[in-house]
C-alpha atoms as a PDB file:
ATOM      1  CA  MET A   1       2.185   5.854  11.830  1.00  0.00           C
ATOM      2  CA  LEU A   2       1.330   7.500   8.575  1.00  0.00           C
ATOM      3  CA  LYS A   3       4.761   8.726   8.172  1.00  0.00           C
ATOM      4  CA  LYS A   4       6.137   4.862   9.220  1.00  0.00           C
ATOM      5  CA  ILE A   5       3.965   4.209   5.804  1.00  0.00           C
ATOM      6  CA  ILE A   6       5.568   6.951   3.827  1.00  0.00           C
ATOM      7  CA  ASN A   7       8.987   6.187   5.174  1.00  0.00           C
ATOM      8  CA  ALA A   8       8.719   2.347   4.136  1.00  0.00           C
ATOM      9  CA  ILE A   9       7.132   2.960   0.837  1.00  0.00           C
ATOM     10  CA  LYS A  10       9.910   5.454   0.138  1.00  0.00           C
ATOM     11  CA  ASN A  11      12.837   3.299   1.340  1.00  0.00           C
ATOM     12  CA  GLY A  12      11.247   0.301  -1.201  1.00  0.00           C
ATOM     13  CA  ASN A  13      10.818  -2.055   1.895  1.00  0.00           C
ATOM     14  CA  ILE A  14       7.141  -2.887   1.223  1.00  0.00           C
ATOM     15  CA  SER A  15       5.607  -5.795  -1.188  1.00  0.00           C
ATOM     16  CA  SER A  16       2.555  -6.424   0.648  1.00  0.00           C
ATOM     17  CA  ILE A  17       0.300  -5.049   3.224  1.00  0.00           C
ATOM     18  CA  THR A  18       1.677  -7.741   5.598  1.00  0.00           C
ATOM     19  CA  ASP A  19       4.978  -5.815   5.461  1.00  0.00           C
ATOM     20  CA  LEU A  20       3.066  -2.583   6.376  1.00  0.00           C
ATOM     21  CA  CYS A  21       1.451  -4.366   9.217  1.00  0.00           C
ATOM     22  CA  GLU A  22       4.420  -5.522  10.513  1.00  0.00           C
ATOM     23  CA  ILE A  23       6.130  -2.050  10.048  1.00  0.00           C
ATOM     24  CA  VAL A  24       3.416  -0.709  12.091  1.00  0.00           C
ATOM     25  CA  ASP A  25       1.999  -3.232  14.299  1.00  0.00           C
ATOM     26  CA  ALA A  26      -1.644  -2.899  12.901  1.00  0.00           C
ATOM     27  CA  SER A  27      -3.763  -5.404  11.341  1.00  0.00           C
ATOM     28  CA  PRO A  28      -4.681  -5.793   7.733  1.00  0.00           C
ATOM     29  CA  GLU A  29      -8.087  -3.662   8.112  1.00  0.00           C
ATOM     30  CA  ILE A  30      -6.190  -0.588   9.873  1.00  0.00           C
ATOM     31  CA  VAL A  31      -3.423  -0.756   7.614  1.00  0.00           C
ATOM     32  CA  LYS A  32      -5.534  -0.857   4.715  1.00  0.00           C
ATOM     33  CA  MET A  33      -7.803   2.262   5.656  1.00  0.00           C
ATOM     34  CA  MET A  34      -4.627   4.259   6.607  1.00  0.00           C
ATOM     35  CA  VAL A  35      -3.080   3.391   2.861  1.00  0.00           C
ATOM     36  CA  GLU A  36      -6.542   4.221   2.011  1.00  0.00           C
ATOM     37  CA  ASP A  37      -6.570   7.508   3.640  1.00  0.00           C
ATOM     38  CA  LEU A  38      -3.009   8.370   2.193  1.00  0.00           C
ATOM     39  CA  VAL A  39      -4.403   7.831  -1.365  1.00  0.00           C
ATOM     40  CA  GLY A  40      -7.413   9.803  -0.675  1.00  0.00           C
ATOM     41  CA  ARG A  41      -5.325  12.934   0.627  1.00  0.00           C
ATOM     42  CA  GLY A  42      -2.671  12.593  -2.153  1.00  0.00           C
ATOM     43  CA  TYR A  43       0.138  11.662  -0.659  1.00  0.00           C
ATOM     44  CA  LEU A  44       0.212   8.192  -2.144  1.00  0.00           C
ATOM     45  CA  LYS A  45      -1.035   7.002  -6.102  1.00  0.00           C
ATOM     46  CA  GLU A  46      -1.947   3.387  -6.442  1.00  0.00           C
ATOM     47  CA  VAL A  47       0.034   1.769  -9.304  1.00  0.00           C
ATOM     48  CA  ASN A  48      -1.724  -1.368 -10.932  1.00  0.00           C
ATOM     49  CA  ILE A  49       0.966  -3.187 -12.953  1.00  0.00           C
ATOM     50  CA  GLY A  50      -1.168  -6.179 -13.933  1.00  0.00           C
ATOM     51  CA  GLY A  51      -0.449  -9.693 -12.732  1.00  0.00           C
ATOM     52  CA  SER A  52      -2.408 -11.696 -10.477  1.00  0.00           C
ATOM     53  CA  CYS A  53      -2.422 -12.979  -6.742  1.00  0.00           C
ATOM     54  CA  SER A  54      -2.285 -16.652  -6.214  1.00  0.00           C
ATOM     55  CA  CYS A  55      -6.194 -16.320  -5.961  1.00  0.00           C
ATOM     56  CA  GLY A  56      -6.228 -16.008  -9.811  1.00  0.00           C
ATOM     57  CA  SER A  57      -9.461 -14.409 -11.057  1.00  0.00           C
ATOM     58  CA  SER A  58     -11.493 -15.299  -8.028  1.00  0.00           C
ATOM     59  CA  CYS A  59      -9.791 -13.018  -5.487  1.00  0.00           C
ATOM     60  CA  LYS A  60     -10.737 -13.223  -2.224  1.00  0.00           C
ATOM     61  CA  GLY A  61      -9.000 -10.235  -0.724  1.00  0.00           C
ATOM     62  CA  CYS A  62      -6.670 -12.052   1.711  1.00  0.00           C
ATOM     63  CA  ALA A  63      -5.031 -10.258   4.367  1.00  0.00           C
ATOM     64  CA  GLY A  64      -1.626  -9.195   3.003  1.00  0.00           C
ATOM     65  CA  CYS A  65      -2.807  -9.316  -0.636  1.00  0.00           C
ATOM     66  CA  ASN A  66      -2.536  -6.149  -2.636  1.00  0.00           C
ATOM     67  CA  HIS A  67      -4.658  -7.868  -5.544  1.00  0.00           C
ATOM     68  CA  SER A  68      -7.248  -4.924  -6.834  1.00  0.00           C
ATOM     69  CA  LYS A  69     -10.571  -5.933  -7.461  1.00  0.00           C
ATOM     70  CA  LYS A  70     -10.413  -3.953 -10.478  1.00  0.00           C
ATOM     71  CA  GLY A  71      -8.145  -6.570 -11.676  1.00  0.00           C
ATOM     72  CA  GLY A  72      -4.107  -6.877 -11.270  1.00  0.00           C
ATOM     73  CA  LEU A  73      -1.631  -6.106  -8.271  1.00  0.00           C
ATOM     74  CA  VAL A  74      -1.572  -3.065  -7.215  1.00  0.00           C
ATOM     75  CA  PHE A  75       1.394  -1.372  -5.518  1.00  0.00           C
ATOM     76  CA  TRP A  76       2.288   2.320  -4.211  1.00  0.00           C
ATOM     77  CA  GLU A  77       3.885   5.320  -5.176  1.00  0.00           C
ATOM     78  CA  LEU A  78       4.568   8.625  -3.045  1.00  0.00           C
ATOM     79  CA  THR A  79       3.302  11.627  -4.835  1.00  0.00           C
ATOM     80  CA  GLU A  80       5.197  15.102  -4.551  1.00  0.00           C
ATOM     81  CA  LYS A  81       2.828  15.867  -1.693  1.00  0.00           C
ATOM     82  CA  ALA A  82       4.490  13.347   0.195  1.00  0.00           C
ATOM     83  CA  ASP A  83       7.516  15.580   0.412  1.00  0.00           C
ATOM     84  CA  SER A  84       5.657  17.269   3.697  1.00  0.00           C
ATOM     85  CA  ILE A  85       5.196  14.145   5.619  1.00  0.00           C
ATOM     86  CA  GLY A  86       8.051  11.368   4.829  1.00  0.00           C
ATOM     87  CA  GLY A  87      10.434  13.109   2.431  1.00  0.00           C
ATOM     88  CA  ARG A  88      11.212  11.295  -0.748  1.00  0.00           C
ATOM     89  CA  LYS A  89      14.421   9.281  -1.485  1.00  0.00           C
END
């Protein structure tokens, strides 16, 4: 499943946790844990792009929301280390 996440991000098919849930057929909670694991291992890095979700400043962390509690929307980038798992585009 980790390879599927890496490859989906590499291919640019992801705009939310919900997209990843569909690809790996798992719940948002599981996918968030997998993404956090990949970030922790150094395969992905979070990129805060600013902006806001539809919740505004009172984000509830809805399923599929990439809003960071630190403020702003968060997306992910592959690191060089990701080459050993899923490859890079």
